[in-house]
């Protein structure tokens, strides 16, 4: 089936134009092939408004007359050329003569490899990596992302760690060092910020030009494949940041590709992003929608990725996103929804769930657009998960407050439960929060240095104990002090200091506890897995809740004291008698705390109270004047109470043991 769709014939090109040829990355671009029993490379390109197109490169001295392309008889504006004598690694571009007679040089939209920036030519390559992750790929079929643990380590490959020469690690070095680190820290997934080829380092990959090419900064496509393969062999999933919302207007890219607005929307109100000075895809055009869906499938199918985190979904959904009155035009129904983009997103998720059922589709969506992570047949957009940016902003705001004033903002901790189960959420502390003057997480915390670390540790345990999958950006697991800088390695030297290594140890222990405690992940997306136990003690800024697993004996109690005042003898009602093991205490000395706590466990006390029974008497019953009869002994109400010590600025996590 795939081979048929990769042949340039009437059927495959018909499907391409309507956006339903899901093998078009095998149809277009440069592919080693044979013709008339001779080895060659077949080039194919869509440029419907071009007068002429040719393939140019070092092999023909960039001579546009040497290797002209011919128009296919089957497709509108599809150009083809067969060139013999080319070798893997040869660089090339397309010379496109536009309708006004100008010639422009463009990189191949479907190229599998590109030159290292600042050079921009495409590179001939064979995708030939031999995968060894069969066991992992088979295990994915049984993986239920909603009821199994998910702990995501977000990484920018270019600045995670530098080698001895002061250069970023290669894909091969990352395969060894990054994967081992993530495994040691007990994460389940790595989320890699965009690796599609991009010319500007400062864009962090969010302004991609080579959508099908892993950036050459760190090595070859095989090197990137090895990174994914090695993660899988070590039981770690890989999620890729993917950017379909916009693209840069660099001269060698997709913008004005054949001299016209081919990939971008022709109406500037829909085809240009004022925030990022980038172009917006024409989501309603079959060839463009197909290009993007093919790209998503390419990363998932060829590179065995376990999911895509789709960037800037909100900007796709709303015509008036970041636009003032007069800068946008309502849709045909008079509203602000981008109907074409919404249809594209639904089609994207439909096709991916059909062809790669185990793939995770995660939306970065910052508005209250409904049902982002609900199934298509229930009227949703079809994503598996959505980032809970509301949780992130509310909790960061709270922890930045002086504890004296926290009692007036207790709702920042409780409000999330009003919507926590309306979507399937990932709780993110992402790169966006530690850059561009926002400061690192440790410096967002209130107080002197001791209080900052105590607050951060309490915050992490609070978040790990709260419903929702977890995501933490690199460096924050050891409380990096400096803002993230894409041009520098993380400050790994900080881990030699106890307060930093203590935070790192806490994250490792939280990850291990989360993965080993079904109560923390089995019902993350259901209201019956969560129960407030201390919700209104705003005066003391204490808050606590229960987490429940599928089995009745799976119980976790999370309690946070978010003032610097310790509370001795604090009582919390719990549903089960027995020993409650202190699994995490963020004030433990091993994490850099003061060492106050409960000596590893707390025992319940059982109390019995008379349970008053309501008197039910018919309204028309006669009044009895008989002497009062002695009542039966009322039933007793039994409650189990934990009396615990709550250290200052600390979160405790207790695990029930019968």
Foldseek 3Di string as FASTA:
>chain_A
DLVVLLDPDQVNQVCLQQQNSLNCLSNAAWDFDDDPNATWIKHKDAQQQFPWKAKAFPVHPRDRVPWTWDDDPRHRRMTMTTGPDDDFFTWIWMFTQGPVGDTATAEGLSAAAADAPPDGTGTHDDLDADFDLVVLLVVLVPDDQQQAAAEEEEELQFFAFADPVFGGAALQVCLPPVLVVCVLLQGQEYEYEAQAADHDLVVSNQAHFRLNYGHPSRHHPNSNLSSQRSNSVSNHAYEYEHEQFWHAPPRRGDDCNNVARDQFDRPCLRFADPVPRTGGGPLQGSNNLSSRLSSLCSCCPSSVHQEYEYPPVQSLQFSCVVHDPPSGDAPPVRHGGPVSSLVSLLVSLVVCCVPPVSHAYEYAHDDPPAQQCPPVVVVHSNGVEYEPVLLVVLLLVLQLDALVCNLVSLCSVVVCVVCQQRTQYEHEPELVCQDDPNWFQLVSGDDDNQRSLLLLLQSVLVVLQAQHHYYYYRLVQQPQGHGDDSSHHGPVVSCVDQLRVLSNVSSSLSSVCCNVQSLRRRPSNPPVQKAWFDRNVSVQSKTKIWGDHPDRQRIKIKIWRAAQDKDAFDKTWDDDFDKWFFSDKCQCVSSPHPHDWDVGIWGKDKDKDFDDDDDDDDPPDDDDPDPDDDDDRGDIDIIIMTTIMHHGSIMTMITDDD
